[in-house]
C-alpha atoms as a PDB file:
ATOM      1  CA  MET A   1    -171.550-288.059 317.303  1.00  0.00           C
ATOM      2  CA  ARG A   2    -169.490-286.231 319.876  1.00  0.00           C
ATOM      3  CA  VAL A   3    -169.984-283.068 317.839  1.00  0.00           C
ATOM      4  CA  ILE A   4    -173.902-283.666 318.276  1.00  0.00           C
ATOM      5  CA  ASP A   5    -173.541-284.295 321.940  1.00  0.00           C
ATOM      6  CA  ASP A   6    -171.593-281.167 322.413  1.00  0.00           C
ATOM      7  CA  ARG A   7    -174.076-278.964 320.728  1.00  0.00           C
ATOM      8  CA  THR A   8    -176.893-280.574 322.620  1.00  0.00           C
ATOM      9  CA  ARG A   9    -175.062-279.692 326.160  1.00  0.00           C
ATOM     10  CA  GLN A  10    -174.551-276.389 324.957  1.00  0.00           C
ATOM     11  CA  LEU A  11    -178.082-275.742 323.813  1.00  0.00           C
ATOM     12  CA  ARG A  12    -179.133-277.441 327.096  1.00  0.00           C
ATOM     13  CA  ARG A  13    -177.004-274.758 328.990  1.00  0.00           C
ATOM     14  CA  GLU A  14    -178.033-271.852 326.884  1.00  0.00           C
ATOM     15  CA  ARG A  15    -181.746-272.560 327.530  1.00  0.00           C
ATOM     16  CA  MET A  16    -181.345-272.851 331.063  1.00  0.00           C
ATOM     17  CA  GLU A  17    -179.610-269.514 331.206  1.00  0.00           C
ATOM     18  CA  LEU A  18    -181.838-267.754 329.277  1.00  0.00           C
ATOM     19  CA  ASN A  19    -184.776-268.790 331.146  1.00  0.00           C
ATOM     20  CA  ALA A  20    -182.901-267.678 334.362  1.00  0.00           C
ATOM     21  CA  ILE A  21    -182.280-264.263 332.495  1.00  0.00           C
ATOM     22  CA  LEU A  22    -185.319-263.472 331.155  1.00  0.00           C
ATOM     23  CA  ALA A  23    -186.858-264.513 334.617  1.00  0.00           C
ATOM     24  CA  ARG A  24    -184.433-262.022 336.442  1.00  0.00           C
ATOM     25  CA  LEU A  25    -185.254-259.262 334.031  1.00  0.00           C
ATOM     26  CA  GLY A  26    -189.011-259.583 334.950  1.00  0.00           C
ATOM     27  CA  GLY A  27    -190.070-262.061 332.193  1.00  0.00           C
ATOM     28  CA  GLU A  28    -192.308-265.303 332.705  1.00  0.00           C
ATOM     29  CA  PRO A  29    -190.499-268.287 330.902  1.00  0.00           C
ATOM     30  CA  LEU A  30    -192.685-270.588 329.669  1.00  0.00           C
ATOM     31  CA  PRO A  31    -192.220-274.687 329.184  1.00  0.00           C
ATOM     32  CA  SER A  32    -190.134-274.967 325.950  1.00  0.00           C
ATOM     33  CA  THR A  33    -187.895-277.741 324.576  1.00  0.00           C
ATOM     34  CA  GLY A  34    -184.883-278.160 321.845  1.00  0.00           C
ATOM     35  CA  ASP A  35    -182.960-274.962 320.929  1.00  0.00           C
ATOM     36  CA  PHE A  36    -186.107-272.493 321.622  1.00  0.00           C
ATOM     37  CA  VAL A  37    -187.406-270.679 324.732  1.00  0.00           C
ATOM     38  CA  ALA A  38    -190.654-268.882 325.151  1.00  0.00           C
ATOM     39  CA  ALA A  39    -191.527-266.354 327.334  1.00  0.00           C
ATOM     40  CA  ARG A  40    -193.648-263.291 328.407  1.00  0.00           C
ATOM     41  CA  ILE A  41    -191.607-260.200 328.274  1.00  0.00           C
ATOM     42  CA  PRO A  42    -192.031-256.507 329.037  1.00  0.00           C
ATOM     43  CA  ALA A  43    -191.382-253.801 326.351  1.00  0.00           C
ATOM     44  CA  ALA A  44    -190.967-256.474 323.628  1.00  0.00           C
ATOM     45  CA  ALA A  45    -190.944-254.386 320.738  1.00  0.00           C
ATOM     46  CA  TRP A  46    -188.236-252.245 322.417  1.00  0.00           C
ATOM     47  CA  VAL A  47    -186.426-255.504 323.103  1.00  0.00           C
ATOM     48  CA  ARG A  48    -186.451-256.477 319.305  1.00  0.00           C
ATOM     49  CA  ASP A  49    -185.315-253.210 318.553  1.00  0.00           C
ATOM     50  CA  VAL A  50    -182.486-253.549 321.014  1.00  0.00           C
ATOM     51  CA  LEU A  51    -181.315-256.995 319.434  1.00  0.00           C
ATOM     52  CA  VAL A  52    -181.410-255.691 315.821  1.00  0.00           C
ATOM     53  CA  GLY A  53    -179.363-253.011 316.805  1.00  0.00           C
ATOM     54  CA  LEU A  54    -176.792-254.925 318.874  1.00  0.00           C
ATOM     55  CA  GLY A  55    -176.773-257.989 316.214  1.00  0.00           C
ATOM     56  CA  ALA A  56    -178.773-260.101 318.101  1.00  0.00           C
ATOM     57  CA  GLU A  57    -181.638-260.004 316.259  1.00  0.00           C
ATOM     58  CA  PRO A  58    -181.777-263.408 314.458  1.00  0.00           C
ATOM     59  CA  HIS A  59    -182.499-265.322 317.706  1.00  0.00           C
ATOM     60  CA  PHE A  60    -185.605-263.062 318.327  1.00  0.00           C
ATOM     61  CA  LEU A  61    -188.339-265.038 316.750  1.00  0.00           C
ATOM     62  CA  LYS A  62    -191.383-262.917 317.477  1.00  0.00           C
ATOM     63  CA  SER A  63    -192.212-258.944 317.985  1.00  0.00           C
ATOM     64  CA  ARG A  64    -195.419-258.812 319.706  1.00  0.00           C
ATOM     65  CA  SER A  65    -195.601-256.160 322.099  1.00  0.00           C
ATOM     66  CA  ALA A  66    -198.194-257.238 324.693  1.00  0.00           C
ATOM     67  CA  PHE A  67    -196.713-258.456 327.878  1.00  0.00           C
ATOM     68  CA  THR A  68    -199.357-261.263 328.089  1.00  0.00           C
ATOM     69  CA  ARG A  69    -198.518-262.630 324.534  1.00  0.00           C
ATOM     70  CA  PRO A  70    -195.064-264.919 324.446  1.00  0.00           C
ATOM     71  CA  VAL A  71    -191.926-264.184 322.608  1.00  0.00           C
ATOM     72  CA  TRP A  72    -189.917-267.078 321.247  1.00  0.00           C
ATOM     73  CA  PHE A  73    -185.832-266.773 321.322  1.00  0.00           C
ATOM     74  CA  ARG A  74    -183.887-269.711 319.536  1.00  0.00           C
ATOM     75  CA  CYS A  75    -180.567-270.503 321.369  1.00  0.00           C
ATOM     76  CA  PRO A  76    -177.723-269.764 319.055  1.00  0.00           C
ATOM     77  CA  GLY A  77    -175.773-273.076 320.080  1.00  0.00           C
ATOM     78  CA  ASP A  78    -172.465-270.716 320.129  1.00  0.00           C
ATOM     79  CA  GLU A  79    -171.015-268.833 323.127  1.00  0.00           C
ATOM     80  CA  ILE A  80    -170.000-265.748 321.553  1.00  0.00           C
ATOM     81  CA  ALA A  81    -173.483-265.643 319.698  1.00  0.00           C
ATOM     82  CA  PHE A  82    -175.260-266.436 323.415  1.00  0.00           C
ATOM     83  CA  ALA A  83    -173.006-263.742 325.226  1.00  0.00           C
ATOM     84  CA  ARG A  84    -174.508-261.216 322.524  1.00  0.00           C
ATOM     85  CA  LEU A  85    -177.958-261.982 323.060  1.00  0.00           C
ATOM     86  CA  ALA A  86    -177.802-262.063 326.935  1.00  0.00           C
ATOM     87  CA  HIS A  87    -175.818-258.798 326.963  1.00  0.00           C
ATOM     88  CA  GLY A  88    -178.804-257.336 324.482  1.00  0.00           C
ATOM     89  CA  LEU A  89    -181.762-258.389 326.760  1.00  0.00           C
ATOM     90  CA  GLU A  90    -180.082-257.595 329.740  1.00  0.00           C
ATOM     91  CA  THR A  91    -178.790-253.991 328.592  1.00  0.00           C
ATOM     92  CA  ALA A  92    -182.392-253.412 327.006  1.00  0.00           C
ATOM     93  CA  LEU A  93    -184.146-254.031 330.269  1.00  0.00           C
ATOM     94  CA  ALA A  94    -181.722-253.662 333.138  1.00  0.00           C
ATOM     95  CA  PRO A  95    -179.358-250.621 332.015  1.00  0.00           C
ATOM     96  CA  GLU A  96    -177.222-249.656 334.764  1.00  0.00           C
ATOM     97  CA  ALA A  97    -176.379-246.258 333.534  1.00  0.00           C
ATOM     98  CA  VAL A  98    -177.343-243.679 330.662  1.00  0.00           C
ATOM     99  CA  LEU A  99    -174.706-241.808 328.877  1.00  0.00           C
ATOM    100  CA  PHE A 100    -175.178-238.219 327.171  1.00  0.00           C
ATOM    101  CA  ASP A 101    -173.691-236.108 324.275  1.00  0.00           C
ATOM    102  CA  MET A 102    -173.572-232.401 325.535  1.00  0.00           C
ATOM    103  CA  ASP A 103    -173.863-230.338 322.382  1.00  0.00           C
ATOM    104  CA  ASP A 104    -177.326-230.054 321.011  1.00  0.00           C
ATOM    105  CA  THR A 105    -178.354-233.081 323.206  1.00  0.00           C
ATOM    106  CA  LEU A 106    -178.009-231.879 326.768  1.00  0.00           C
ATOM    107  CA  VAL A 107    -177.487-228.128 325.842  1.00  0.00           C
ATOM    108  CA  ASP A 108    -178.589-225.979 322.831  1.00  0.00           C
ATOM    109  CA  ALA A 109    -175.283-225.033 321.121  1.00  0.00           C
ATOM    110  CA  THR A 110    -177.111-223.159 318.252  1.00  0.00           C
ATOM    111  CA  ALA A 111    -176.342-219.908 319.311  1.00  0.00           C
ATOM    112  CA  SER A 112    -173.221-220.848 320.647  1.00  0.00           C
ATOM    113  CA  TYR A 113    -170.899-223.663 319.339  1.00  0.00           C
ATOM    114  CA  ARG A 114    -172.631-223.321 316.043  1.00  0.00           C
ATOM    115  CA  ARG A 115    -172.957-219.794 315.790  1.00  0.00           C
ATOM    116  CA  ALA A 116    -169.022-219.703 316.431  1.00  0.00           C
ATOM    117  CA  THR A 117    -168.359-221.742 313.580  1.00  0.00           C
ATOM    118  CA  ILE A 118    -170.141-219.317 311.505  1.00  0.00           C
ATOM    119  CA  ALA A 119    -168.723-216.408 312.865  1.00  0.00           C
ATOM    120  CA  THR A 120    -165.055-217.700 312.958  1.00  0.00           C
ATOM    121  CA  ALA A 121    -165.571-218.581 309.115  1.00  0.00           C
ATOM    122  CA  ALA A 122    -166.713-215.187 308.071  1.00  0.00           C
ATOM    123  CA  THR A 123    -163.738-213.589 309.681  1.00  0.00           C
ATOM    124  CA  PHE A 124    -161.953-215.659 306.817  1.00  0.00           C
ATOM    125  CA  GLY A 125    -164.403-214.204 304.504  1.00  0.00           C
ATOM    126  CA  VAL A 126    -165.892-217.615 304.321  1.00  0.00           C
ATOM    127  CA  SER A 127    -169.666-218.088 304.343  1.00  0.00           C
ATOM    128  CA  VAL A 128    -170.886-220.810 306.536  1.00  0.00           C
ATOM    129  CA  THR A 129    -174.570-221.540 306.763  1.00  0.00           C
ATOM    130  CA  PRO A 130    -176.583-223.769 309.481  1.00  0.00           C
ATOM    131  CA  LEU A 131    -177.080-226.386 306.704  1.00  0.00           C
ATOM    132  CA  ASP A 132    -173.276-226.685 306.208  1.00  0.00           C
ATOM    133  CA  ILE A 133    -172.793-227.420 309.556  1.00  0.00           C
ATOM    134  CA  THR A 134    -175.597-229.900 309.982  1.00  0.00           C
ATOM    135  CA  ALA A 135    -174.346-231.675 306.496  1.00  0.00           C
ATOM    136  CA  ALA A 136    -170.999-231.852 308.036  1.00  0.00           C
ATOM    137  CA  LYS A 137    -172.311-233.515 311.272  1.00  0.00           C
ATOM    138  CA  ALA A 138    -174.509-235.674 309.752  1.00  0.00           C
ATOM    139  CA  ALA A 139    -171.219-236.697 307.468  1.00  0.00           C
ATOM    140  CA  GLY A 140    -169.395-238.078 310.621  1.00  0.00           C
ATOM    141  CA  GLY A 141    -166.157-237.193 311.992  1.00  0.00           C
ATOM    142  CA  ALA A 142    -167.236-233.861 313.222  1.00  0.00           C
ATOM    143  CA  ASN A 143    -167.057-233.885 317.334  1.00  0.00           C
ATOM    144  CA  ASP A 144    -164.151-231.414 317.259  1.00  0.00           C
ATOM    145  CA  ASP A 145    -165.721-227.924 316.424  1.00  0.00           C
ATOM    146  CA  TRP A 146    -162.303-226.486 315.951  1.00  0.00           C
ATOM    147  CA  GLU A 147    -161.358-228.980 313.555  1.00  0.00           C
ATOM    148  CA  LEU A 148    -164.912-228.776 311.706  1.00  0.00           C
ATOM    149  CA  THR A 149    -164.755-225.005 311.312  1.00  0.00           C
ATOM    150  CA  TYR A 150    -161.218-225.447 309.619  1.00  0.00           C
ATOM    151  CA  ARG A 151    -162.384-227.823 307.180  1.00  0.00           C
ATOM    152  CA  LEU A 152    -165.435-225.592 306.507  1.00  0.00           C
ATOM    153  CA  VAL A 153    -162.648-222.708 305.945  1.00  0.00           C
ATOM    154  CA  ALA A 154    -160.206-224.665 304.091  1.00  0.00           C
ATOM    155  CA  ARG A 155    -162.829-226.387 301.810  1.00  0.00           C
ATOM    156  CA  ALA A 156    -163.815-223.095 300.803  1.00  0.00           C
ATOM    157  CA  GLY A 157    -160.134-221.958 299.564  1.00  0.00           C
ATOM    158  CA  ALA A 158    -159.360-219.743 302.470  1.00  0.00           C
ATOM    159  CA  LYS A 159    -155.691-219.756 303.812  1.00  0.00           C
ATOM    160  CA  ALA A 160    -156.010-220.422 307.598  1.00  0.00           C
ATOM    161  CA  THR A 161    -154.067-222.579 309.994  1.00  0.00           C
ATOM    162  CA  LEU A 162    -155.919-224.953 312.894  1.00  0.00           C
ATOM    163  CA  ALA A 163    -154.543-222.813 315.569  1.00  0.00           C
ATOM    164  CA  GLU A 164    -155.369-219.625 314.124  1.00  0.00           C
ATOM    165  CA  VAL A 165    -159.046-220.771 313.393  1.00  0.00           C
ATOM    166  CA  THR A 166    -158.934-222.192 316.798  1.00  0.00           C
ATOM    167  CA  ARG A 167    -157.961-218.838 318.384  1.00  0.00           C
ATOM    168  CA  ARG A 168    -160.613-216.759 316.551  1.00  0.00           C
ATOM    169  CA  PHE A 169    -163.212-219.371 317.538  1.00  0.00           C
ATOM    170  CA  GLU A 170    -161.883-219.218 321.234  1.00  0.00           C
ATOM    171  CA  ALA A 171    -162.338-215.470 321.248  1.00  0.00           C
ATOM    172  CA  LEU A 172    -165.774-215.533 319.986  1.00  0.00           C
ATOM    173  CA  TYR A 173    -167.047-218.235 322.065  1.00  0.00           C
ATOM    174  CA  GLN A 174    -165.422-217.672 325.252  1.00  0.00           C
ATOM    175  CA  GLY A 175    -165.826-213.501 325.399  1.00  0.00           C
ATOM    176  CA  THR A 176    -163.738-211.010 326.834  1.00  0.00           C
ATOM    177  CA  PRO A 177    -164.265-208.936 329.952  1.00  0.00           C
ATOM    178  CA  SER A 178    -165.867-206.461 327.875  1.00  0.00           C
ATOM    179  CA  LYS A 179    -168.003-208.853 325.936  1.00  0.00           C
ATOM    180  CA  PRO A 180    -169.684-211.519 326.648  1.00  0.00           C
ATOM    181  CA  GLY A 181    -168.938-214.676 324.378  1.00  0.00           C
ATOM    182  CA  LEU A 182    -171.205-216.931 322.577  1.00  0.00           C
ATOM    183  CA  ARG A 183    -171.443-219.333 325.340  1.00  0.00           C
ATOM    184  CA  ALA A 184    -173.524-217.184 327.094  1.00  0.00           C
ATOM    185  CA  ALA A 185    -176.401-218.042 324.776  1.00  0.00           C
ATOM    186  CA  GLU A 186    -176.379-221.514 325.737  1.00  0.00           C
ATOM    187  CA  THR A 187    -179.880-223.123 327.246  1.00  0.00           C
ATOM    188  CA  MET A 188    -180.533-226.562 328.540  1.00  0.00           C
ATOM    189  CA  LEU A 189    -182.452-229.037 326.468  1.00  0.00           C
ATOM    190  CA  VAL A 190    -183.729-230.888 329.189  1.00  0.00           C
ATOM    191  CA  GLU A 191    -185.343-229.837 332.734  1.00  0.00           C
ATOM    192  CA  PRO A 192    -182.614-230.544 335.300  1.00  0.00           C
ATOM    193  CA  SER A 193    -185.536-232.150 337.535  1.00  0.00           C
ATOM    194  CA  ILE A 194    -185.741-235.000 334.791  1.00  0.00           C
ATOM    195  CA  LEU A 195    -181.986-235.528 335.138  1.00  0.00           C
ATOM    196  CA  ARG A 196    -181.867-235.971 338.609  1.00  0.00           C
ATOM    197  CA  ARG A 197    -184.812-238.147 338.896  1.00  0.00           C
ATOM    198  CA  LEU A 198    -183.067-240.573 336.225  1.00  0.00           C
ATOM    199  CA  ALA A 199    -179.716-240.412 338.482  1.00  0.00           C
ATOM    200  CA  ARG A 200    -181.688-241.548 341.164  1.00  0.00           C
ATOM    201  CA  ARG A 201    -182.380-244.874 338.992  1.00  0.00           C
ATOM    202  CA  VAL A 202    -179.197-245.191 337.109  1.00  0.00           C
ATOM    203  CA  LYS A 203    -175.776-243.811 336.884  1.00  0.00           C
ATOM    204  CA  LEU A 204    -175.461-240.974 334.531  1.00  0.00           C
ATOM    205  CA  GLY A 205    -172.360-240.037 332.112  1.00  0.00           C
ATOM    206  CA  VAL A 206    -171.274-237.106 329.774  1.00  0.00           C
ATOM    207  CA  VAL A 207    -169.213-238.346 326.564  1.00  0.00           C
ATOM    208  CA  THR A 208    -168.577-234.808 324.649  1.00  0.00           C
ATOM    209  CA  GLY A 209    -166.490-233.402 321.961  1.00  0.00           C
ATOM    210  CA  ARG A 210    -166.057-230.443 324.156  1.00  0.00           C
ATOM    211  CA  PRO A 211    -162.856-229.162 326.050  1.00  0.00           C
ATOM    212  CA  ARG A 212    -163.108-230.302 329.768  1.00  0.00           C
ATOM    213  CA  SER A 213    -163.108-226.830 331.049  1.00  0.00           C
ATOM    214  CA  ASP A 214    -165.998-225.905 328.749  1.00  0.00           C
ATOM    215  CA  ALA A 215    -168.067-229.201 329.861  1.00  0.00           C
ATOM    216  CA  LEU A 216    -167.562-228.734 333.561  1.00  0.00           C
ATOM    217  CA  ARG A 217    -168.035-225.273 333.568  1.00  0.00           C
ATOM    218  CA  SER A 218    -171.618-225.862 331.774  1.00  0.00           C
ATOM    219  CA  LEU A 219    -172.597-228.746 334.112  1.00  0.00           C
ATOM    220  CA  THR A 220    -171.660-226.429 337.314  1.00  0.00           C
ATOM    221  CA  GLU A 221    -173.613-223.436 336.066  1.00  0.00           C
ATOM    222  CA  ASN A 222    -176.483-225.599 335.498  1.00  0.00           C
ATOM    223  CA  ASN A 223    -176.133-226.973 339.076  1.00  0.00           C
ATOM    224  CA  LEU A 224    -175.651-230.704 337.452  1.00  0.00           C
ATOM    225  CA  ARG A 225    -172.056-231.442 338.105  1.00  0.00           C
ATOM    226  CA  ARG A 226    -173.048-233.797 341.038  1.00  0.00           C
ATOM    227  CA  VAL A 227    -175.478-235.544 338.820  1.00  0.00           C
ATOM    228  CA  PHE A 228    -172.734-236.893 336.434  1.00  0.00           C
ATOM    229  CA  ARG A 229    -170.695-239.372 337.770  1.00  0.00           C
ATOM    230  CA  ALA A 230    -168.464-239.779 334.675  1.00  0.00           C
ATOM    231  CA  VAL A 231    -167.388-236.771 332.318  1.00  0.00           C
ATOM    232  CA  VAL A 232    -165.398-237.887 329.278  1.00  0.00           C
ATOM    233  CA  THR A 233    -164.206-235.218 327.030  1.00  0.00           C
ATOM    234  CA  MET A 234    -161.787-234.387 324.021  1.00  0.00           C
ATOM    235  CA  ASP A 235    -159.106-234.207 326.776  1.00  0.00           C
ATOM    236  CA  ASP A 236    -159.486-237.636 327.436  1.00  0.00           C
ATOM    237  CA  GLY A 237    -158.682-239.237 324.088  1.00  0.00           C
ATOM    238  CA  PRO A 238    -160.070-239.920 320.920  1.00  0.00           C
ATOM    239  CA  LEU A 239    -163.436-238.530 319.758  1.00  0.00           C
ATOM    240  CA  LYS A 240    -166.483-240.077 318.528  1.00  0.00           C
ATOM    241  CA  PRO A 241    -167.253-241.827 316.130  1.00  0.00           C
ATOM    242  CA  ASP A 242    -164.330-243.906 318.175  1.00  0.00           C
ATOM    243  CA  PRO A 243    -166.067-246.020 320.803  1.00  0.00           C
ATOM    244  CA  ALA A 244    -162.959-245.217 322.874  1.00  0.00           C
ATOM    245  CA  PRO A 245    -164.476-242.520 324.665  1.00  0.00           C
ATOM    246  CA  VAL A 246    -167.718-244.420 325.636  1.00  0.00           C
ATOM    247  CA  ARG A 247    -165.787-247.554 326.753  1.00  0.00           C
ATOM    248  CA  LEU A 248    -163.838-245.065 329.078  1.00  0.00           C
ATOM    249  CA  ALA A 249    -167.608-243.512 330.480  1.00  0.00           C
ATOM    250  CA  LEU A 250    -168.493-247.210 331.223  1.00  0.00           C
ATOM    251  CA  GLU A 251    -165.081-247.909 332.893  1.00  0.00           C
ATOM    252  CA  LYS A 252    -165.305-244.474 335.098  1.00  0.00           C
ATOM    253  CA  LEU A 253    -168.912-245.413 335.716  1.00  0.00           C
ATOM    254  CA  GLY A 254    -168.077-248.945 336.947  1.00  0.00           C
ATOM    255  CA  VAL A 255    -170.670-250.578 334.427  1.00  0.00           C
ATOM    256  CA  THR A 256    -171.156-252.495 331.580  1.00  0.00           C
ATOM    257  CA  ARG A 257    -174.991-252.111 330.400  1.00  0.00           C
ATOM    258  CA  ALA A 258    -175.999-248.820 329.291  1.00  0.00           C
ATOM    259  CA  TRP A 259    -177.907-246.567 326.869  1.00  0.00           C
ATOM    260  CA  MET A 260    -176.533-243.586 325.266  1.00  0.00           C
ATOM    261  CA  ALA A 261    -178.367-240.383 324.058  1.00  0.00           C
ATOM    262  CA  GLY A 262    -176.798-238.406 321.058  1.00  0.00           C
ATOM    263  CA  ASP A 263    -177.866-235.979 318.048  1.00  0.00           C
ATOM    264  CA  THR A 264    -175.468-237.245 315.323  1.00  0.00           C
ATOM    265  CA  PRO A 265    -174.279-240.457 313.975  1.00  0.00           C
ATOM    266  CA  ASP A 266    -171.134-240.053 315.232  1.00  0.00           C
ATOM    267  CA  ASP A 267    -172.731-240.524 318.714  1.00  0.00           C
ATOM    268  CA  VAL A 268    -174.880-243.620 317.447  1.00  0.00           C
ATOM    269  CA  ARG A 269    -171.599-245.383 315.955  1.00  0.00           C
ATOM    270  CA  ALA A 270    -169.665-244.741 319.152  1.00  0.00           C
ATOM    271  CA  ALA A 271    -172.204-246.209 321.070  1.00  0.00           C
ATOM    272  CA  LEU A 272    -172.916-249.559 318.960  1.00  0.00           C
ATOM    273  CA  GLY A 273    -169.028-249.645 318.731  1.00  0.00           C
ATOM    274  CA  ALA A 274    -168.907-250.017 322.568  1.00  0.00           C
ATOM    275  CA  GLY A 275    -171.965-252.346 323.010  1.00  0.00           C
ATOM    276  CA  VAL A 276    -174.164-249.499 324.279  1.00  0.00           C
ATOM    277  CA  ILE A 277    -177.746-248.706 323.017  1.00  0.00           C
ATOM    278  CA  PRO A 278    -177.609-245.557 321.072  1.00  0.00           C
ATOM    279  CA  LEU A 279    -180.638-243.258 321.137  1.00  0.00           C
ATOM    280  CA  GLY A 280    -180.991-240.474 318.500  1.00  0.00           C
ATOM    281  CA  VAL A 281    -181.993-237.059 319.635  1.00  0.00           C
ATOM    282  CA  ILE A 282    -182.749-234.360 317.033  1.00  0.00           C
ATOM    283  CA  ALA A 283    -180.556-231.090 317.466  1.00  0.00           C
ATOM    284  CA  PRO A 284    -182.859-228.075 317.687  1.00  0.00           C
ATOM    285  CA  SER A 285    -181.191-226.503 314.569  1.00  0.00           C
ATOM    286  CA  ASP A 286    -181.630-229.575 312.369  1.00  0.00           C
ATOM    287  CA  ASP A 287    -184.607-230.623 310.175  1.00  0.00           C
ATOM    288  CA  PRO A 288    -186.301-233.251 312.007  1.00  0.00           C
ATOM    289  CA  ALA A 289    -187.023-235.505 308.784  1.00  0.00           C
ATOM    290  CA  VAL A 290    -183.344-235.167 307.603  1.00  0.00           C
ATOM    291  CA  ALA A 291    -181.911-235.704 311.070  1.00  0.00           C
ATOM    292  CA  ARG A 292    -183.860-238.819 311.763  1.00  0.00           C
ATOM    293  CA  ALA A 293    -183.249-240.431 308.426  1.00  0.00           C
ATOM    294  CA  ALA A 294    -179.315-240.032 309.497  1.00  0.00           C
ATOM    295  CA  LEU A 295    -179.590-241.148 312.891  1.00  0.00           C
ATOM    296  CA  GLU A 296    -181.779-244.117 311.842  1.00  0.00           C
ATOM    297  CA  GLY A 297    -179.345-244.975 309.146  1.00  0.00           C
ATOM    298  CA  ALA A 298    -176.357-244.984 311.837  1.00  0.00           C
ATOM    299  CA  GLY A 299    -178.417-247.454 313.594  1.00  0.00           C
ATOM    300  CA  ALA A 300    -180.370-245.395 316.483  1.00  0.00           C
ATOM    301  CA  VAL A 301    -182.374-247.877 318.134  1.00  0.00           C
ATOM    302  CA  ARG A 302    -184.990-245.123 318.803  1.00  0.00           C
ATOM    303  CA  VAL A 303    -184.977-241.411 317.612  1.00  0.00           C
ATOM    304  CA  LEU A 304    -186.709-239.422 320.613  1.00  0.00           C
ATOM    305  CA  GLY A 305    -188.626-236.097 320.380  1.00  0.00           C
ATOM    306  CA  SER A 306    -186.735-235.006 323.739  1.00  0.00           C
ATOM    307  CA  LEU A 307    -184.886-236.443 326.360  1.00  0.00           C
ATOM    308  CA  ALA A 308    -187.744-236.409 328.811  1.00  0.00           C
ATOM    309  CA  GLU A 309    -188.776-239.637 326.860  1.00  0.00           C
ATOM    310  CA  ILE A 310    -185.566-241.642 328.345  1.00  0.00           C
ATOM    311  CA  GLU A 311    -187.696-241.298 331.639  1.00  0.00           C
ATOM    312  CA  ALA A 312    -190.590-243.146 330.475  1.00  0.00           C
ATOM    313  CA  LEU A 313    -188.750-245.519 328.576  1.00  0.00           C
ATOM    314  CA  LEU A 314    -186.782-246.604 331.610  1.00  0.00           C
ATOM    315  CA  ALA A 315    -190.207-246.817 333.516  1.00  0.00           C
ATOM    316  CA  SER A 316    -191.535-249.460 331.001  1.00  0.00           C
ATOM    317  CA  VAL A 317    -188.847-251.550 331.461  1.00  0.00           C
ATOM    318  CA  ARG A 318    -187.186-253.236 334.579  1.00  0.00           C
ATOM    319  CA  SER A 319    -184.295-251.005 335.216  1.00  0.00           C
ATOM    320  CA  GLU A 320    -183.331-251.547 338.570  1.00  0.00           C
ATOM    321  CA  GLY A 321    -181.493-254.957 337.786  1.00  0.00           C
END
């Protein structure tokens, strides 16, 4: 009898708290009893997909997207499961920050980092194609371009050390006083004005496998250094898919609820591991169908056609919470 009473009290607390959360996030709670809560909520289909991605989907019982139709939630009767449900709802409808990968997300690295990999391999007599790079990034564990290039060279049987591969890569990427490096070919994949508008609504951060000097130089050259309040790079610790750099970005920004956009499964897995909503972005040089399948397979909640879609997605939810 005591167990039943404890569960009843837990469900009553969850129902009251869930009603309060939904109201705070712009929803309209409706009369409900037992372990169910009904409400009209904004962006219901988006909320459903987020809860699926973050592991709280069993408590979302209807997925109608029209704001005027009620959605039913089942209170789990468990503190941990309820915390997951609450975090998913609040992150979906009231994000405090948006994080971005850099290469092939903010910046087109096709003719810079990817070209440097191909050209560096060629100095060792190894032919690497863009498809080889795409496949390696889709397989995961490929956020360090020096290490990735070394692996591709070594896989072909060429004798090389990571140090020598890195030296040749950097010479090609950075350039010399008499010859511009491949980095000069980089272009932005999103209009800076979009990022500035986003920064007025939420905090922005970068989580990248680039060295800090490269990341900060790129942001500075594009007049975006002050737009991003946190920049986490390979100098700060483990690389994606480890969630540690994403958690560090959250800590630097002073937030717990965030979305993250990236072009590889490593980005998606790192975001999920940190409790952040992963948004996939298709790299300019990738086959869209193949890239979409890889990103969705890793758990991306949405695969965007461009970063401009984030602005519209934010506008569809109550993001000022």
